[in-house]
Amino acid sequence: MSTNCYIDSMARPTNTRFALAVHLLALLALEPEKTLDSAGLSVSPGTNPVHVRRVLGQLRDVGLVQSRTGVHGGWTLTRTPEQIDLGQVWRALNTDDPVLGLHTPDPNCPTGRLVSTNLRALDRRALEVLLVELSAVSVADVVAGAHPVSPAIP
């Protein structure tokens, strides 16, 4: 069996949209009486206001935040921080993206096909576990500094 497998794509760099989204939701949760604009929201995470709008736009699409245009426009939560769990945030931002950094091997390589098939199955299981864990944590937990962990995870 040949081990000289061609790799036509490499794993992508770590995506930080989820962490940014949680950060932004925490900022909104801490000031529920205010409508916060993307320029102000971009300061704490140290990112560009355009990137903030893109991430919040995805959260708006699933009903977690709302936006208001105009001079006094900006963003607010549509639910209480207790009602927004991190599983919802993950799903809004990551759709079908793999959790693991998967690559696409040469289709003629039997080892590559085997590894790819097994890693894709593992990726689906990892996503299920990830979503269970993230769904157990709310934005309110993040803001409060609470770190609920399932009994199976030390």
Protein backbone atom coordinates (compact mmCIF):
# COMPACT_ATOMS: atom_id res chain seq x y z
CA MET A 1 0.00 0.00 0.00
CA SER A 2 1.37 3.38 -0.97
CA THR A 3 1.71 6.06 1.69
CA ASN A 4 2.51 8.77 -0.83
CA CYS A 5 -0.88 10.50 -0.78
CA TYR A 6 -1.51 13.79 -2.51
CA ILE A 7 -3.12 16.50 -0.41
CA ASP A 8 -4.98 19.09 -2.48
CA SER A 9 -6.09 21.27 0.41
CA MET A 10 -4.81 21.99 3.88
CA ALA A 11 -6.74 22.63 7.08
CA ARG A 12 -7.90 26.20 7.37
CA PRO A 13 -6.67 28.45 10.15
CA THR A 14 -8.72 28.56 13.32
CA ASN A 15 -11.94 30.48 12.84
CA THR A 16 -12.46 33.07 15.56
CA ARG A 17 -15.99 34.17 14.63
CA PHE A 18 -17.51 32.07 17.43
CA ALA A 19 -15.28 33.62 20.11
CA LEU A 20 -15.98 37.08 18.70
CA ALA A 21 -19.73 36.42 18.69
CA VAL A 22 -19.67 35.32 22.34
CA HIS A 23 -17.63 38.41 23.22
CA LEU A 24 -20.12 40.68 21.42
CA LEU A 25 -23.12 38.98 23.02
CA ALA A 26 -21.51 39.44 26.44
CA LEU A 27 -21.00 43.14 25.75
CA LEU A 28 -24.64 43.49 24.72
CA ALA A 29 -25.77 41.51 27.78
CA LEU A 30 -23.84 43.80 30.10
CA GLU A 31 -25.65 46.88 28.77
CA PRO A 32 -29.19 45.68 28.01
CA GLU A 33 -30.68 49.17 28.21
CA LYS A 34 -28.39 50.51 25.48
CA THR A 35 -28.23 50.12 21.72
CA LEU A 36 -24.54 49.64 20.94
CA ASP A 37 -23.02 50.47 17.56
CA SER A 38 -20.47 48.33 15.76
CA ALA A 39 -17.68 50.90 16.19
CA GLY A 40 -18.11 50.83 19.96
CA LEU A 41 -18.50 47.06 20.03
CA SER A 42 -15.31 46.57 18.00
CA VAL A 43 -13.04 48.18 20.63
CA SER A 44 -13.09 45.48 23.34
CA PRO A 45 -12.41 42.49 21.04
CA GLY A 46 -9.94 44.59 19.05
CA THR A 47 -11.45 43.97 15.65
CA ASN A 48 -12.86 45.92 12.73
CA PRO A 49 -16.44 47.30 12.93
CA VAL A 50 -17.18 45.72 9.55
CA HIS A 51 -16.24 42.30 10.94
CA VAL A 52 -18.46 42.99 13.97
CA ARG A 53 -21.40 43.79 11.65
CA ARG A 54 -20.83 40.60 9.64
CA VAL A 55 -20.80 38.40 12.72
CA LEU A 56 -23.77 40.16 14.31
CA GLY A 57 -25.59 39.95 10.98
CA GLN A 58 -25.37 36.16 11.17
CA LEU A 59 -26.72 36.27 14.73
CA ARG A 60 -29.52 38.58 13.57
CA ASP A 61 -30.43 36.10 10.84
CA VAL A 62 -31.24 33.50 13.51
CA GLY A 63 -33.00 35.96 15.82
CA LEU A 64 -30.43 36.33 18.61
CA VAL A 65 -29.84 40.06 18.09
CA GLN A 66 -31.57 42.90 16.31
CA SER A 67 -30.24 46.02 14.67
CA ARG A 68 -31.57 49.51 14.26
CA THR A 69 -30.31 51.86 11.56
CA GLY A 70 -29.77 55.57 11.81
CA VAL A 71 -27.94 58.05 14.00
CA HIS A 72 -28.90 56.24 17.21
CA GLY A 73 -28.74 52.81 15.60
CA GLY A 74 -26.90 49.78 16.74
CA TRP A 75 -27.42 46.33 18.19
CA THR A 76 -29.39 44.79 21.05
CA LEU A 77 -30.20 41.28 22.22
CA THR A 78 -33.61 39.91 21.29
CA ARG A 79 -33.69 37.60 24.31
CA THR A 80 -32.34 37.62 27.82
CA PRO A 81 -28.76 36.38 28.21
CA GLU A 82 -30.16 33.31 30.02
CA GLN A 83 -32.15 32.40 26.89
CA ILE A 84 -29.17 32.45 24.52
CA ASP A 85 -26.98 29.38 24.71
CA LEU A 86 -23.63 28.98 23.03
CA GLY A 87 -24.89 26.04 20.96
CA GLN A 88 -27.23 28.45 19.20
CA VAL A 89 -24.32 30.78 18.55
CA TRP A 90 -22.15 27.97 17.18
CA ARG A 91 -24.89 26.81 14.81
CA ALA A 92 -25.53 30.36 13.56
CA LEU A 93 -21.89 30.87 12.62
CA ASN A 94 -20.58 27.47 11.57
CA THR A 95 -23.36 25.75 9.60
CA ASP A 96 -21.72 22.66 8.06
CA ASP A 97 -18.09 23.61 8.70
CA PRO A 98 -16.07 20.71 10.13
CA VAL A 99 -14.95 20.91 13.75
CA LEU A 100 -11.71 19.15 12.93
CA GLY A 101 -9.24 20.53 10.40
CA LEU A 102 -10.05 18.05 7.63
CA HIS A 103 -8.28 17.93 4.30
CA THR A 104 -9.22 16.37 0.99
CA PRO A 105 -6.85 13.54 0.04
CA ASP A 106 -6.07 12.27 -3.44
CA PRO A 107 -9.18 10.24 -4.38
CA ASN A 108 -6.91 7.49 -5.78
CA CYS A 109 -5.15 6.98 -2.45
CA PRO A 110 -6.78 4.12 -0.47
CA THR A 111 -5.19 5.27 2.80
CA GLY A 112 -6.40 8.81 2.23
CA ARG A 113 -9.95 7.62 1.50
CA LEU A 114 -9.96 5.45 4.64
CA VAL A 115 -8.58 8.18 6.89
CA SER A 116 -10.90 10.78 5.39
CA THR A 117 -13.99 8.59 5.87
CA ASN A 118 -13.09 7.84 9.48
CA LEU A 119 -12.22 11.44 10.32
CA ARG A 120 -15.47 12.72 8.82
CA ALA A 121 -17.43 10.28 11.00
CA LEU A 122 -15.40 11.37 14.02
CA ASP A 123 -16.02 15.00 13.10
CA ARG A 124 -19.80 14.44 13.13
CA ARG A 125 -19.58 12.82 16.58
CA ALA A 126 -17.31 15.60 17.85
CA LEU A 127 -19.81 18.18 16.63
CA GLU A 128 -22.63 16.43 18.50
CA VAL A 129 -20.61 16.45 21.74
CA LEU A 130 -19.53 20.05 21.19
CA LEU A 131 -23.12 21.19 20.69
CA VAL A 132 -24.27 19.40 23.85
CA GLU A 133 -21.55 21.12 25.86
CA LEU A 134 -22.08 24.55 24.29
CA SER A 135 -25.84 24.31 24.72
CA ALA A 136 -25.33 23.89 28.48
CA VAL A 137 -23.71 27.34 28.70
CA SER A 138 -25.68 30.56 28.31
CA VAL A 139 -24.45 34.06 27.61
CA ALA A 140 -25.48 34.82 31.20
CA ASP A 141 -23.11 32.06 32.38
CA VAL A 142 -20.27 33.60 30.38
CA VAL A 143 -20.94 37.07 31.80
CA ALA A 144 -21.17 35.66 35.33
CA GLY A 145 -17.93 33.72 34.92
CA ALA A 146 -19.72 30.41 35.44
CA HIS A 147 -18.18 27.42 33.74
CA PRO A 148 -20.67 24.54 33.80
CA VAL A 149 -19.00 21.33 32.70
CA SER A 150 -20.63 17.98 32.08
CA PRO A 151 -19.78 15.21 34.57
CA ALA A 152 -17.97 13.23 31.85
CA ILE A 153 -15.43 16.01 31.28
CA PRO A 154 -12.87 16.75 34.02
